[in-house]
Structures are given as structure tokens and as C-alpha cells.
Amino acid sequence: LTKMVTEQVRLLAIDEDEELADTSSYNVCLPYDQAKALGKTNIDVDRIAAGLPCGSEGFLLMFARWRKLERDLYNERKERFDITQIPDVYDSCKYDLLHNAHLNLKGLDELFKVAQLLADGVIPNEYGINPRQKLKIGSKIARRLLGKILIDLRNTREEAINVAELKNNQDNDPAISSTGKDDTDSHSKCNGKFEGTRRASFTSDKSLDQDDDDDEETKYRLDPKYANVRTPDRHVRTRLYFTSESHIHSLMNVLRYCNLDESLQGEPGIVCNNGLERLCRTKELDYMSYIVLRLFEDTEVALEDPKRFRIEMTFSRGADLSPLESNDSEAASLHQEHTLPIMGPERLQEIGSCLTLEMMEKMIRPFAMPAEDFPPPSVPQGFSGYFSKSAAVLERLVNLWPFLKHGNANGK
């Protein structure tokens, strides 16, 4: 099947080469421009109508792509197949079915179905045949990523605890009374000082609501020891880790099977049974696959209670939809637009369950690079150290807190 598709593209490339020799046809078939192709936002209808490959690829480059797959997949001298090339054949089929279906390459549909079935067996087993192997291989591949995730989660928790402790200290401080003129003046001076600082720092005008949003941002801060940025003391709510398919598979395998480690025998898994079943049915983590870990803080729970901080996990299979799907109007519309939808998030925990951050750390730490082994970047000049060790900054955070700006007579 691969040879059949390659031969058809070869013949089309020969025709294209002959057309390029004719100057009158040069405007119809422009040479491949990668920068232009990558920058396109709309499908080139004229090229498709002219029977040319989508995206300004050109038949010559398309033939080179398929010819390489044909040669790498099967070694004629040794008469052996290289199954590591199956994912590449699958990707190439999916691309051409999505973007070059108008070329009507004979056998491409069948090749895609065969390659997909083989890829469903090859790709997951590249990361281990059984759960224990998957856990071992996954921990070796994703140990740096896991270490960074734990560091960021730990830093966020410590910062939230420090702010909560200072809030409690401010609430219990007798110098801050709940009634009287001094209390009002204190709030006025605090707000006035902060507003003046903010106006000096920002040139654009902001509403009070926007200012309150800025105050909320003071709760979150990057870990300066591991954040390779010029402004490590800035506050963040969301961290995005862009990585490869191998790391997505590895991270997922560690989340699924971490309780199988000898040091954690007897501990329940952090992925529920329904989540495990969904993951078993998920053969492919396609383009734009993602895993989301959300950290929640219950401020009504005591600081020392493990349930104060909990984790929710979801994942998406990405663009895991066959370009051959055409059983409804939505699929037909997506096919016509050369696009595939991103699958929505799926839960890895039961609704109402509570995976504490403490349990998450306990289960993941054996497979993550320890903090002391995580190579820190050079500390920016003028920075004094950890956020949690900077009392002055913490006090400033508390002074910016809305409960000081909008206190009431009852002191609540």
C-alpha cells in the first residue's frame, strides 16, 4: 500500500516537473515557501482547484516524504520491516487525508486504516509492555517534568500558607482596631500609599475592579530558584508546560500506575477506576493532547489539615478524530475546512473525591527529579532569595490584600 501511494505521487511529481519547465505554468505552481506556508491562515482554494497539494508543499516534496517512508519502513536487502516507522506512516496518511483528499490517491484510505490499527499497538508499547514497565520507563523520561511540576505546586502551597498566616496575624493584631477614627485613617493611609505606588508604576488608567484583580494576583508567585525568567518575583496563576508526545505518554503512565511501586504498596491509585478505563480505551494521544492539574485551596479548612489543598486532574486526547469521519454534517464541514476538533477534557477522578496535594506529592515524588537535583538557573542580580524568606515582601502582600482595604465595623 505504501508503494502504491508513493508511485502515484511520483507520477504527479513528474508531471509537475514538466509543467515547471514551461514558464507559462510557473505562476500556477509556485515553488515551496515554508515561511509562507506556515504563516497561512486560510486554505488556498485556487491551488486545490488546480489539483495541487495543499499548503504550497508541491508534489516533489510530497514525493520525497513518501519515498523516505517507503524506504525506511521495509529493508529489501534484509527483508525486514521497521515497526518504529509505523507512527510516521500513520501521521503522513492522516495529513494527506485531511489536506490532500482532493488528489484521490488510490489505496490511501486503506493504508490509513491499517497503519492506525498497527499504531494503536506500537505506540503505547513503546513506553512499556505491562504497567510496571510503563511506570519504570515513564519515570525515566518524565522525571524532570515531574520534578518541575512538584516544585511549582509546593511553592504555590507555601506561598498561600504564608499569606494566610500573615492574614491571621493581622486579624489578631491589636493595633488594627475594628472601630474608631484611627482605624479609618489607617485604611485610608494604606490605600492611599498603595494607589500612589500603582499610579506611579502603570501609565494606563485602570478601574477599581481591575485594581482588585491586581491585588488577587499577589497571591501567586514563581519560584525564583527554578524560574528561568528575568522577573521571578512576579505572580502567576497558570503554568503551561509545552512538551512532546513521549513526555505526555510518560506523565500519563506515571499518574496511572504510580501506586504499583514497591515503596507505595497498598496505597490506592490517584486515578479512579473510570479514569483508568477511559485511558485504556485511549490508544492515541494526538496533536494538542493535554493534561491539566488544578490546585484548589479551601480557606475554610485549617492550615495544618491536608484537605486544605486538593488536586483535580483532567486530560484530553487532542485531535483524536479520523479524517475519514463523514457520517454527519459537522464532520463534513470540518473536513471541508481541513481541520479536526480538539477533544474535550475527561476527568481522571470521581466527582466529589478529594485528592489532597499531600497525597499527590507522596505518590509522585519517587518518580520525580528531587528539588536538590533540579538544575537551578543563574539567580538574577539583585534578587535576595526565596519568596517565603522575604518577610518584607510578605508584609507588602498582606497590606495589598482586599480584607484590609474593605474592612467593616465588625472586623470580619
Protein backbone atom coordinates (compact mmCIF):
# COMPACT_ATOMS: atom_id res chain seq x y z
CA LEU A 1 0.00 0.00 0.00
CA THR A 2 2.84 2.39 0.81
CA LYS A 3 4.49 1.63 -2.53
CA MET A 4 1.18 2.17 -4.33
CA VAL A 5 0.72 5.64 -2.79
CA THR A 6 4.37 6.58 -3.37
CA GLU A 7 4.20 5.60 -7.03
CA GLN A 8 1.11 7.74 -7.61
CA VAL A 9 2.81 10.76 -6.02
CA ARG A 10 5.93 10.08 -8.13
CA LEU A 11 3.91 10.30 -11.33
CA LEU A 12 2.30 13.53 -10.16
CA ALA A 13 5.77 14.91 -9.35
CA ILE A 14 6.97 14.08 -12.86
CA ASP A 15 4.02 15.97 -14.32
CA GLU A 16 4.75 18.92 -12.03
CA ASP A 17 8.40 18.94 -13.10
CA GLU A 18 7.36 19.08 -16.75
CA GLU A 19 4.96 21.92 -16.02
CA LEU A 20 7.70 23.86 -14.24
CA ALA A 21 9.76 23.69 -17.42
CA ASP A 22 7.00 25.63 -19.10
CA THR A 23 7.26 29.26 -17.97
CA SER A 24 3.60 29.84 -18.67
CA SER A 25 2.72 27.34 -15.95
CA TYR A 26 5.13 28.74 -13.37
CA ASN A 27 2.58 31.09 -11.86
CA VAL A 28 0.18 28.20 -11.32
CA CYS A 29 2.67 26.03 -9.41
CA LEU A 30 4.94 28.16 -7.27
CA PRO A 31 7.99 26.63 -5.55
CA TYR A 32 7.52 25.64 -1.92
CA ASP A 33 7.92 28.51 0.51
CA GLN A 34 7.97 27.18 4.08
CA ALA A 35 7.62 30.58 5.76
CA LYS A 36 4.64 31.43 3.58
CA ALA A 37 3.05 28.02 4.11
CA LEU A 38 3.41 28.19 7.90
CA GLY A 39 2.03 31.70 8.00
CA LYS A 40 -1.13 30.90 6.11
CA THR A 41 -4.43 31.13 7.93
CA ASN A 42 -6.76 30.27 5.05
CA ILE A 43 -6.90 27.27 2.73
CA ASP A 44 -5.60 28.09 -0.74
CA VAL A 45 -8.71 27.26 -2.75
CA ASP A 46 -7.05 28.05 -6.07
CA ARG A 47 -4.27 25.52 -5.53
CA ILE A 48 -6.76 22.83 -4.53
CA ALA A 49 -8.92 23.63 -7.56
CA ALA A 50 -5.83 23.30 -9.75
CA GLY A 51 -5.20 19.81 -8.35
CA LEU A 52 -2.09 20.78 -6.39
CA PRO A 53 -1.14 19.74 -2.84
CA CYS A 54 -2.46 21.89 -0.02
CA GLY A 55 -0.15 24.24 1.84
CA SER A 56 2.23 25.02 -1.04
CA GLU A 57 4.04 21.73 -0.41
CA GLY A 58 4.44 20.73 -4.03
CA PHE A 59 4.48 17.23 -5.49
CA LEU A 60 8.28 16.97 -5.43
CA LEU A 61 8.44 17.49 -1.67
CA MET A 62 5.41 15.27 -1.17
CA PHE A 63 7.09 12.51 -3.16
CA ALA A 64 10.29 12.88 -1.10
CA ARG A 65 8.22 12.48 2.06
CA TRP A 66 6.53 9.29 0.89
CA ARG A 67 9.66 7.86 -0.73
CA LYS A 68 11.54 8.16 2.57
CA LEU A 69 8.70 6.38 4.41
CA GLU A 70 8.72 3.58 1.85
CA ARG A 71 12.47 3.07 2.17
CA ASP A 72 12.53 3.28 5.97
CA LEU A 73 9.53 1.01 6.51
CA TYR A 74 10.90 -2.02 4.68
CA ASN A 75 14.51 -3.07 4.17
CA GLU A 76 14.51 -5.04 0.93
CA ARG A 77 18.05 -6.36 1.41
CA LYS A 78 17.29 -7.79 4.86
CA GLU A 79 13.62 -8.43 4.03
CA ARG A 80 12.57 -6.92 7.35
CA PHE A 81 10.05 -4.29 8.42
CA ASP A 82 10.95 -1.49 10.83
CA ILE A 83 7.86 -1.13 13.02
CA THR A 84 9.19 2.13 14.52
CA GLN A 85 8.22 3.76 11.21
CA ILE A 86 4.54 2.84 11.58
CA PRO A 87 3.66 6.03 13.52
CA ASP A 88 5.28 8.11 10.76
CA VAL A 89 3.27 6.31 8.06
CA TYR A 90 0.14 6.86 10.12
CA ASP A 91 0.85 10.57 10.56
CA SER A 92 1.55 11.03 6.85
CA CYS A 93 -1.68 9.23 5.90
CA LYS A 94 -3.70 11.33 8.33
CA TYR A 95 -2.17 14.53 6.99
CA ASP A 96 -2.88 13.72 3.34
CA LEU A 97 -6.41 12.50 4.05
CA LEU A 98 -7.11 15.76 5.85
CA HIS A 99 -5.39 18.19 3.48
CA ASN A 100 -4.92 16.35 0.16
CA ALA A 101 -8.09 14.28 -0.15
CA HIS A 102 -8.79 16.08 -3.44
CA LEU A 103 -5.83 14.25 -5.03
CA ASN A 104 -7.78 10.97 -4.73
CA LEU A 105 -4.75 8.79 -4.07
CA LYS A 106 -5.79 5.17 -4.55
CA GLY A 107 -5.18 2.99 -1.50
CA LEU A 108 -4.59 5.88 0.91
CA ASP A 109 -7.81 5.18 2.85
CA GLU A 110 -6.91 1.52 3.28
CA LEU A 111 -3.32 2.35 4.22
CA PHE A 112 -4.57 4.75 6.89
CA LYS A 113 -6.84 2.10 8.45
CA VAL A 114 -4.05 -0.49 8.52
CA ALA A 115 -1.49 1.99 9.86
CA GLN A 116 -3.92 3.15 12.55
CA LEU A 117 -4.51 -0.41 13.78
CA LEU A 118 -0.78 -1.09 13.87
CA ALA A 119 -0.03 2.26 15.52
CA ASP A 120 -2.59 1.52 18.24
CA GLY A 121 -0.39 -1.43 19.20
CA VAL A 122 3.04 0.01 18.53
CA ILE A 123 2.81 3.48 20.08
CA PRO A 124 1.59 2.59 23.61
CA ASN A 125 4.03 -0.33 23.82
CA GLU A 126 6.98 1.92 23.03
CA TYR A 127 6.65 3.01 26.67
CA GLY A 128 6.44 -0.48 28.17
CA ILE A 129 4.55 -3.71 27.58
CA ASN A 130 2.96 -4.03 31.02
CA PRO A 131 2.02 -1.50 33.74
CA ARG A 132 5.25 -1.93 35.72
CA GLN A 133 7.38 -1.40 32.64
CA LYS A 134 5.32 1.64 31.68
CA LEU A 135 5.85 3.10 35.15
CA LYS A 136 9.59 2.48 35.05
CA ILE A 137 10.09 3.90 31.55
CA GLY A 138 7.72 6.80 32.19
CA SER A 139 9.58 7.83 35.34
CA LYS A 140 12.89 7.92 33.44
CA ILE A 141 11.52 10.01 30.58
CA ALA A 142 9.39 12.47 32.56
CA ARG A 143 11.39 12.78 35.81
CA ARG A 144 12.47 16.37 35.10
CA LEU A 145 8.95 17.40 34.11
CA LEU A 146 7.50 15.72 37.20
CA GLY A 147 10.11 17.44 39.37
CA LYS A 148 9.24 20.85 37.95
CA ILE A 149 5.51 20.26 38.48
CA LEU A 150 6.02 19.27 42.13
CA ILE A 151 8.30 22.26 42.72
CA ASP A 152 5.68 24.66 41.34
CA LEU A 153 2.86 23.04 43.32
CA ARG A 154 4.89 23.13 46.52
CA ASN A 155 5.86 26.76 46.00
CA THR A 156 2.27 27.79 45.42
CA ARG A 157 1.14 25.99 48.56
CA GLU A 158 3.88 27.53 50.72
CA GLU A 159 3.10 30.99 49.45
CA ALA A 160 -0.61 30.57 50.13
CA ILE A 161 0.15 29.35 53.67
CA ASN A 162 2.48 32.28 54.33
CA VAL A 163 -0.12 34.76 53.17
CA ALA A 164 -2.83 33.05 55.25
CA GLU A 165 -0.62 33.12 58.35
CA LEU A 166 0.11 36.80 57.91
CA LYS A 167 -3.59 37.46 57.40
CA ASN A 168 -4.33 35.73 60.70
CA ASN A 169 -1.60 37.77 62.40
CA GLN A 170 -3.07 40.97 61.02
CA ASP A 171 -6.56 39.96 62.19
CA ASN A 172 -5.22 39.30 65.70
CA ASP A 173 -3.05 42.40 65.83
CA PRO A 174 -4.50 44.79 68.46
CA ALA A 175 -3.02 47.76 66.60
CA ILE A 176 -5.69 47.22 63.94
CA SER A 177 -8.97 48.01 65.70
CA SER A 178 -12.40 47.36 64.28
CA THR A 179 -13.84 50.76 65.30
CA GLY A 180 -12.77 54.35 65.72
CA LYS A 181 -11.19 57.10 63.67
CA ASP A 182 -7.71 55.62 63.84
CA ASP A 183 -8.94 52.53 62.03
CA THR A 184 -10.38 54.61 59.21
CA ASP A 185 -7.24 56.68 58.92
CA SER A 186 -5.15 53.54 58.87
CA HIS A 187 -7.11 52.15 55.97
CA SER A 188 -7.00 55.47 54.16
CA LYS A 189 -3.24 55.76 54.52
CA CYS A 190 -2.73 52.17 53.40
CA ASN A 191 -4.96 52.60 50.36
CA GLY A 192 -3.55 55.98 49.52
CA LYS A 193 0.02 54.75 49.65
CA PHE A 194 -0.75 51.74 47.50
CA GLU A 195 -2.79 53.70 44.97
CA GLY A 196 0.02 56.21 44.63
CA THR A 197 2.52 53.47 44.05
CA ARG A 198 0.31 51.84 41.50
CA ARG A 199 -0.24 55.06 39.59
CA ALA A 200 3.48 55.61 39.50
CA SER A 201 4.11 52.11 38.24
CA PHE A 202 1.49 51.95 35.49
CA THR A 203 0.87 54.56 32.83
CA SER A 204 -2.58 53.34 31.81
CA ASP A 205 -5.68 54.16 33.83
CA LYS A 206 -7.48 51.23 35.49
CA SER A 207 -10.82 50.89 37.19
CA LEU A 208 -11.16 49.92 40.83
CA ASP A 209 -12.36 46.48 39.78
CA GLN A 210 -9.21 45.99 37.75
CA ASP A 211 -7.14 47.13 40.72
CA ASP A 212 -8.83 44.48 42.84
CA ASP A 213 -7.92 41.90 40.23
CA ASP A 214 -4.31 43.04 40.50
CA ASP A 215 -4.49 42.51 44.25
CA GLU A 216 -5.66 38.95 43.69
CA GLU A 217 -2.59 38.34 41.53
CA THR A 218 -0.35 38.96 44.52
CA LYS A 219 -1.20 35.50 45.86
CA TYR A 220 0.75 33.66 43.19
CA ARG A 221 4.46 33.86 42.50
CA LEU A 222 7.07 31.95 40.55
CA ASP A 223 9.69 30.01 42.44
CA PRO A 224 12.74 32.22 41.83
CA LYS A 225 15.21 29.37 42.28
CA TYR A 226 13.82 27.39 39.37
CA ALA A 227 12.11 30.01 37.23
CA ASN A 228 14.48 30.94 34.43
CA VAL A 229 12.98 34.40 33.90
CA ARG A 230 14.15 37.93 34.46
CA THR A 231 11.30 38.78 36.82
CA PRO A 232 11.00 35.80 39.18
CA ASP A 233 9.03 37.75 41.76
CA ARG A 234 6.02 38.22 39.52
CA HIS A 235 2.76 36.45 40.36
CA VAL A 236 1.20 33.76 38.19
CA ARG A 237 -1.99 31.75 38.28
CA THR A 238 -1.32 29.35 35.42
CA ARG A 239 1.77 27.47 34.30
CA LEU A 240 1.90 25.88 30.86
CA TYR A 241 4.39 23.13 30.07
CA PHE A 242 4.78 22.52 26.34
CA THR A 243 6.32 19.14 25.71
CA SER A 244 6.49 16.16 23.36
CA GLU A 245 4.21 13.18 22.83
CA SER A 246 6.72 10.95 24.60
CA HIS A 247 6.51 13.07 27.75
CA ILE A 248 2.70 13.17 27.61
CA HIS A 249 2.59 9.35 27.43
CA SER A 250 5.21 9.04 30.17
CA LEU A 251 3.50 11.51 32.51
CA MET A 252 0.18 9.78 31.98
CA ASN A 253 1.69 6.36 32.71
CA VAL A 254 3.19 7.61 35.98
CA LEU A 255 -0.17 9.05 37.04
CA ARG A 256 -1.91 5.78 36.16
CA TYR A 257 0.48 3.30 37.74
CA CYS A 258 2.39 5.17 40.46
CA ASN A 259 0.74 3.05 43.20
CA LEU A 260 2.39 -0.09 41.76
CA ASP A 261 5.80 0.99 43.03
CA GLU A 262 7.18 -1.19 45.83
CA SER A 263 7.53 1.79 48.17
CA LEU A 264 3.80 2.58 47.76
CA GLN A 265 2.31 -0.90 48.02
CA GLY A 266 -1.17 -0.84 49.44
CA GLU A 267 -1.86 2.81 48.54
CA PRO A 268 -4.86 3.46 46.30
CA GLY A 269 -4.17 4.96 42.88
CA ILE A 270 -4.67 8.65 42.19
CA VAL A 271 -6.68 7.88 39.02
CA CYS A 272 -10.17 6.47 39.59
CA ASN A 273 -11.35 3.21 38.00
CA ASN A 274 -13.48 5.01 35.42
CA GLY A 275 -10.48 7.15 34.52
CA LEU A 276 -8.32 4.06 34.12
CA GLU A 277 -10.91 2.52 31.80
CA ARG A 278 -11.01 5.66 29.66
CA LEU A 279 -7.22 5.70 29.46
CA CYS A 280 -7.17 2.03 28.44
CA ARG A 281 -9.56 2.86 25.60
CA THR A 282 -7.38 5.81 24.58
CA LYS A 283 -4.93 4.37 22.06
CA GLU A 284 -3.66 7.67 20.77
CA LEU A 285 -2.63 11.00 22.31
CA ASP A 286 -2.73 13.09 19.17
CA TYR A 287 -1.76 16.66 18.39
CA MET A 288 -2.83 19.17 21.07
CA SER A 289 -3.24 16.47 23.73
CA TYR A 290 -3.04 17.92 27.21
CA ILE A 291 -3.13 17.09 30.92
CA VAL A 292 -4.49 19.63 33.39
CA LEU A 293 -3.66 19.66 37.10
CA ARG A 294 -5.71 22.21 39.05
CA LEU A 295 -4.75 23.15 42.61
CA PHE A 296 -7.58 24.30 44.87
CA GLU A 297 -7.35 25.84 48.34
CA ASP A 298 -10.21 25.57 50.83
CA THR A 299 -9.74 28.59 53.05
CA GLU A 300 -12.39 27.30 55.47
CA VAL A 301 -10.13 24.37 56.43
CA ALA A 302 -7.31 24.68 58.96
CA LEU A 303 -3.84 25.30 57.59
CA GLU A 304 -2.48 22.04 59.01
CA ASP A 305 -5.34 19.98 57.53
CA PRO A 306 -4.21 18.06 54.40
CA LYS A 307 -7.62 18.74 52.84
CA ARG A 308 -6.80 22.43 52.67
CA PHE A 309 -5.15 21.84 49.28
CA ARG A 310 -6.50 19.37 46.74
CA ILE A 311 -5.76 18.44 43.13
CA GLU A 312 -8.13 17.85 40.22
CA MET A 313 -6.83 16.15 37.07
CA THR A 314 -8.27 16.04 33.56
CA PHE A 315 -6.86 15.07 30.18
CA SER A 316 -7.70 15.39 26.50
CA ARG A 317 -6.84 13.08 23.62
CA GLY A 318 -6.28 16.09 21.39
CA ALA A 319 -7.26 15.94 17.72
CA ASP A 320 -8.11 12.26 18.03
CA LEU A 321 -10.61 12.02 15.18
CA SER A 322 -10.26 10.12 11.94
CA PRO A 323 -10.26 12.31 8.82
CA LEU A 324 -12.41 9.59 7.24
CA GLU A 325 -15.31 10.51 9.54
CA SER A 326 -18.12 11.83 7.36
CA ASN A 327 -21.27 10.49 8.99
CA ASP A 328 -22.71 13.86 9.94
CA SER A 329 -22.82 17.44 8.74
CA GLU A 330 -20.35 18.65 11.40
CA ALA A 331 -17.69 16.13 10.33
CA ALA A 332 -18.23 17.03 6.68
CA SER A 333 -17.83 20.74 7.48
CA LEU A 334 -14.61 20.16 9.42
CA HIS A 335 -13.25 18.03 6.59
CA GLN A 336 -14.03 20.76 4.10
CA GLU A 337 -12.18 23.29 6.28
CA HIS A 338 -9.15 20.95 6.65
CA THR A 339 -9.48 20.94 10.43
CA LEU A 340 -10.00 18.43 13.24
CA PRO A 341 -11.62 19.35 16.58
CA ILE A 342 -9.79 19.06 19.89
CA MET A 343 -11.43 16.51 22.14
CA GLY A 344 -12.83 17.96 25.36
CA PRO A 345 -11.38 17.25 28.82
CA GLU A 346 -12.13 13.97 30.57
CA ARG A 347 -11.99 13.55 34.34
CA LEU A 348 -9.44 11.29 35.99
CA GLN A 349 -11.22 11.39 39.36
CA GLU A 350 -14.72 10.72 40.60
CA ILE A 351 -16.92 13.74 41.22
CA GLY A 352 -16.75 14.65 44.89
CA SER A 353 -13.50 12.79 45.53
CA CYS A 354 -10.61 14.57 47.23
CA LEU A 355 -7.03 14.01 46.09
CA THR A 356 -5.00 16.07 48.51
CA LEU A 357 -1.79 17.74 47.43
CA GLU A 358 -0.03 15.84 50.21
CA MET A 359 -1.15 12.50 48.73
CA MET A 360 -0.26 13.66 45.22
CA GLU A 361 3.27 14.52 46.33
CA LYS A 362 3.65 11.22 48.18
CA MET A 363 2.64 9.22 45.12
CA ILE A 364 4.65 11.16 42.54
CA ARG A 365 7.82 12.07 44.45
CA PRO A 366 9.53 8.64 43.97
CA PHE A 367 9.47 9.16 40.20
CA ALA A 368 10.38 12.86 40.02
CA MET A 369 13.74 14.56 39.98
CA PRO A 370 14.34 15.83 43.54
CA ALA A 371 14.41 19.57 44.04
CA GLU A 372 18.06 19.47 45.06
CA ASP A 373 18.93 17.73 41.79
CA PHE A 374 16.90 20.08 39.61
CA PRO A 375 19.48 22.38 38.00
CA PRO A 376 18.64 25.94 39.02
CA PRO A 377 19.33 28.75 36.56
CA SER A 378 21.52 31.65 37.47
CA VAL A 379 19.78 33.84 40.04
CA PRO A 380 19.00 37.32 38.63
CA GLN A 381 21.22 40.02 40.03
CA GLY A 382 19.70 41.93 42.90
CA PHE A 383 17.39 39.09 43.98
CA SER A 384 17.83 38.03 47.59
CA GLY A 385 16.32 34.54 47.65
CA TYR A 386 13.09 32.60 48.17
CA PHE A 387 9.80 34.41 48.29
CA SER A 388 8.90 32.63 51.52
CA LYS A 389 12.02 34.04 53.19
CA SER A 390 11.28 37.63 52.32
CA ALA A 391 9.26 39.00 55.21
CA ALA A 392 9.14 42.48 53.77
CA VAL A 393 7.50 41.28 50.57
CA LEU A 394 5.04 39.16 52.51
CA GLU A 395 4.03 42.13 54.62
CA ARG A 396 3.52 44.14 51.46
CA LEU A 397 1.27 41.39 50.09
CA VAL A 398 -0.87 41.48 53.19
CA ASN A 399 -1.12 45.26 53.02
CA LEU A 400 -2.42 44.92 49.48
CA TRP A 401 -5.00 42.34 50.49
CA PRO A 402 -8.68 43.30 49.95
CA PHE A 403 -9.68 42.47 53.56
CA LEU A 404 -7.59 45.45 54.70
CA LYS A 405 -8.95 47.78 52.07
CA HIS A 406 -12.58 46.84 52.54
CA GLY A 407 -12.78 46.01 56.26
CA ASN A 408 -16.05 46.56 58.13
CA ALA A 409 -17.01 47.58 61.62
CA ASN A 410 -17.23 44.01 62.83
CA GLY A 411 -13.66 43.34 61.86
CA LYS A 412 -14.65 40.44 59.58
